[in-house]
C-alpha atoms as a PDB file:
ATOM      1  CA  MET A   1     172.603 115.287 265.523  1.00  0.00           C
ATOM      2  CA  VAL A   2     174.369 112.968 267.635  1.00  0.00           C
ATOM      3  CA  LEU A   3     175.151 114.160 271.468  1.00  0.00           C
ATOM      4  CA  ALA A   4     177.599 111.133 272.022  1.00  0.00           C
ATOM      5  CA  CYS A   5     178.198 107.182 271.029  1.00  0.00           C
ATOM      6  CA  GLN A   6     179.757 104.239 271.999  1.00  0.00           C
ATOM      7  CA  ASN A   7     180.433 100.943 271.052  1.00  0.00           C
ATOM      8  CA  ILE A   8     181.056  98.120 273.521  1.00  0.00           C
ATOM      9  CA  PHE A   9     182.810  94.414 273.044  1.00  0.00           C
ATOM     10  CA  ASP A  10     182.791  92.166 275.984  1.00  0.00           C
ATOM     11  CA  GLY A  11     183.246  88.871 274.570  1.00  0.00           C
ATOM     12  CA  ASN A  12     180.485  87.553 277.256  1.00  0.00           C
ATOM     13  CA  HIS A  13     177.253  86.935 274.791  1.00  0.00           C
ATOM     14  CA  LEU A  14     177.491  83.001 273.266  1.00  0.00           C
ATOM     15  CA  GLY A  15     174.148  80.688 273.003  1.00  0.00           C
ATOM     16  CA  GLU A  16     171.262  80.588 271.388  1.00  0.00           C
ATOM     17  CA  ASP A  17     169.936  84.229 272.335  1.00  0.00           C
ATOM     18  CA  LYS A  18     173.897  85.613 271.890  1.00  0.00           C
ATOM     19  CA  ALA A  19     172.056  88.445 269.742  1.00  0.00           C
ATOM     20  CA  LEU A  20     169.085  89.570 271.926  1.00  0.00           C
ATOM     21  CA  LYS A  21     171.469  89.431 274.964  1.00  0.00           C
ATOM     22  CA  ALA A  22     174.014  91.846 272.928  1.00  0.00           C
ATOM     23  CA  GLU A  23     171.361  94.187 272.321  1.00  0.00           C
ATOM     24  CA  ALA A  24     170.020  93.905 275.762  1.00  0.00           C
ATOM     25  CA  ARG A  25     173.094  95.276 277.209  1.00  0.00           C
ATOM     26  CA  ALA A  26     174.007  97.658 274.315  1.00  0.00           C
ATOM     27  CA  PHE A  27     170.358  99.194 275.240  1.00  0.00           C
ATOM     28  CA  LEU A  28     171.878  99.383 279.179  1.00  0.00           C
ATOM     29  CA  LYS A  29     174.751 100.728 278.274  1.00  0.00           C
ATOM     30  CA  GLY A  30     173.112 103.315 276.462  1.00  0.00           C
ATOM     31  CA  ILE A  31     170.705 104.323 279.153  1.00  0.00           C
ATOM     32  CA  GLU A  32     173.362 104.842 281.314  1.00  0.00           C
ATOM     33  CA  LEU A  33     175.375 107.447 278.821  1.00  0.00           C
ATOM     34  CA  ALA A  34     172.474 109.075 278.859  1.00  0.00           C
ATOM     35  CA  ARG A  35     172.079 109.397 282.654  1.00  0.00           C
ATOM     36  CA  ALA A  36     175.866 110.468 282.698  1.00  0.00           C
ATOM     37  CA  LEU A  37     174.735 113.552 280.022  1.00  0.00           C
ATOM     38  CA  ASN A  38     172.524 113.984 282.420  1.00  0.00           C
ATOM     39  CA  LEU A  39     169.440 113.370 279.587  1.00  0.00           C
ATOM     40  CA  SER A  40     165.953 112.713 280.728  1.00  0.00           C
ATOM     41  CA  SER A  41     164.100 112.417 277.479  1.00  0.00           C
ATOM     42  CA  ILE A  42     165.822 109.626 275.409  1.00  0.00           C
ATOM     43  CA  ILE A  43     164.841 107.475 272.137  1.00  0.00           C
ATOM     44  CA  LEU A  44     166.404 103.743 272.366  1.00  0.00           C
ATOM     45  CA  GLU A  45     166.016 102.405 269.091  1.00  0.00           C
ATOM     46  CA  GLY A  46     166.649  98.823 268.166  1.00  0.00           C
ATOM     47  CA  ASP A  47     166.074  96.108 265.538  1.00  0.00           C
ATOM     48  CA  SER A  48     165.047  93.488 267.967  1.00  0.00           C
ATOM     49  CA  GLN A  49     161.255  93.154 267.367  1.00  0.00           C
ATOM     50  CA  THR A  50     161.291  90.508 270.383  1.00  0.00           C
ATOM     51  CA  LEU A  51     163.616  92.723 272.699  1.00  0.00           C
ATOM     52  CA  ILE A  52     161.356  95.609 271.718  1.00  0.00           C
ATOM     53  CA  ASN A  53     158.419  94.110 273.169  1.00  0.00           C
ATOM     54  CA  ILE A  54     159.628  93.298 275.968  1.00  0.00           C
ATOM     55  CA  LEU A  55     161.158  96.700 277.246  1.00  0.00           C
ATOM     56  CA  LYS A  56     157.674  98.092 275.634  1.00  0.00           C
ATOM     57  CA  GLY A  57     155.836  96.075 277.938  1.00  0.00           C
ATOM     58  CA  ARG A  58     157.853  96.267 281.188  1.00  0.00           C
ATOM     59  CA  PHE A  59     158.591 100.007 280.860  1.00  0.00           C
ATOM     60  CA  SER A  60     155.325 101.163 279.245  1.00  0.00           C
ATOM     61  CA  ASN A  61     155.007 104.578 281.542  1.00  0.00           C
ATOM     62  CA  THR A  62     158.774 105.630 281.255  1.00  0.00           C
ATOM     63  CA  PRO A  63     159.782 109.414 279.312  1.00  0.00           C
ATOM     64  CA  TRP A  64     161.726 107.250 277.229  1.00  0.00           C
ATOM     65  CA  ARG A  65     160.489 106.514 273.029  1.00  0.00           C
ATOM     66  CA  ILE A  66     161.996 102.980 272.252  1.00  0.00           C
ATOM     67  CA  PRO A  67     160.830 101.816 268.606  1.00  0.00           C
ATOM     68  CA  TYR A  68     161.783  99.120 266.348  1.00  0.00           C
ATOM     69  CA  ILE A  69     164.007 100.367 263.663  1.00  0.00           C
ATOM     70  CA  PRO A  70     164.748  97.840 260.760  1.00  0.00           C
ATOM     71  CA  ARG A  71     168.594  97.262 260.197  1.00  0.00           C
ATOM     72  CA  ARG A  72     168.652  98.902 256.901  1.00  0.00           C
ATOM     73  CA  ALA A  73     167.243 102.296 258.599  1.00  0.00           C
ATOM     74  CA  ASN A  74     170.166 102.472 261.398  1.00  0.00           C
ATOM     75  CA  SER A  75     173.248 101.465 259.482  1.00  0.00           C
ATOM     76  CA  VAL A  76     175.138 103.572 262.275  1.00  0.00           C
ATOM     77  CA  ALA A  77     174.589 101.396 265.281  1.00  0.00           C
ATOM     78  CA  HIS A  78     175.407  98.733 263.040  1.00  0.00           C
ATOM     79  CA  CYS A  79     178.458 100.307 262.248  1.00  0.00           C
ATOM     80  CA  LEU A  80     179.393 100.706 265.619  1.00  0.00           C
ATOM     81  CA  ALA A  81     178.843  96.871 266.681  1.00  0.00           C
ATOM     82  CA  LYS A  82     180.914  95.596 263.654  1.00  0.00           C
ATOM     83  CA  LEU A  83     183.891  98.143 264.792  1.00  0.00           C
ATOM     84  CA  ALA A  84     183.407  96.893 268.507  1.00  0.00           C
ATOM     85  CA  LEU A  85     183.589  93.086 267.041  1.00  0.00           C
ATOM     86  CA  SER A  86     186.335  93.691 264.840  1.00  0.00           C
ATOM     87  CA  ALA A  87     188.439  95.740 267.385  1.00  0.00           C
ATOM     88  CA  ARG A  88     187.451  93.402 270.378  1.00  0.00           C
ATOM     89  CA  GLY A  89     187.518  96.772 272.468  1.00  0.00           C
ATOM     90  CA  CYS A  90     185.455  99.702 273.662  1.00  0.00           C
ATOM     91  CA  ASN A  91     185.011 103.324 272.562  1.00  0.00           C
ATOM     92  CA  SER A  92     182.922 106.634 273.596  1.00  0.00           C
ATOM     93  CA  TRP A  93     182.710 109.936 271.782  1.00  0.00           C
ATOM     94  CA  ILE A  94     180.720 112.555 273.690  1.00  0.00           C
ATOM     95  CA  ASP A  95     180.128 115.927 271.289  1.00  0.00           C
ATOM     96  CA  PHE A  96     181.872 114.623 268.890  1.00  0.00           C
ATOM     97  CA  THR A  97     180.734 112.146 265.896  1.00  0.00           C
ATOM     98  CA  PRO A  98     183.468 110.132 264.755  1.00  0.00           C
ATOM     99  CA  ARG A  99     184.872 109.961 260.916  1.00  0.00           C
ATOM    100  CA  CYS A 100     183.758 106.227 260.514  1.00  0.00           C
ATOM    101  CA  ILE A 101     179.557 106.770 260.961  1.00  0.00           C
ATOM    102  CA  SER A 102     179.455 110.708 259.919  1.00  0.00           C
ATOM    103  CA  ASP A 103     178.240 110.195 256.257  1.00  0.00           C
ATOM    104  CA  LEU A 104     175.746 107.166 257.704  1.00  0.00           C
ATOM    105  CA  VAL A 105     174.328 109.703 260.085  1.00  0.00           C
ATOM    106  CA  LEU A 106     173.622 111.625 257.444  1.00  0.00           C
ATOM    107  CA  SER A 107     172.401 108.943 255.085  1.00  0.00           C
ATOM    108  CA  ASP A 108     170.089 107.946 258.454  1.00  0.00           C
ATOM    109  CA  MET A 109     168.976 111.497 258.876  1.00  0.00           C
ATOM    110  CA  MET A 110     167.428 111.508 254.857  1.00  0.00           C
ATOM    111  CA  ASP A 111     165.442 108.445 255.443  1.00  0.00           C
ATOM    112  CA  LEU A 112     163.689 109.685 258.409  1.00  0.00           C
ATOM    113  CA  PRO A 113     159.822 110.374 257.164  1.00  0.00           C
ATOM    114  CA  VAL A 114     159.446 114.232 257.537  1.00  0.00           C
ATOM    115  CA  ASN A 115     156.614 114.991 259.893  1.00  0.00           C
END
């Protein structure tokens, strides 16, 4: 279930570690969105093992879960990032799943392991 999602293009990520910087900024914006929605327990998923390791080391006592998720298992995030890059803009959706990702959300849910 998608409570909210957003994509952000700011064009400020340059250099050798631009992907890491962009992913870190996405995590920050996700935390800000969760706070704005008064969510106390969140899951931050990312496909950068380097960033996940950094965050787990620095924030090991938070109520958040920070799992590594391969890009192939999180096509929604990849699609939203591509949309931000192509549109060179920012969008937010609250209590609404944008059409461009609705099929991907269902696909990602079907790939989750059953507990």
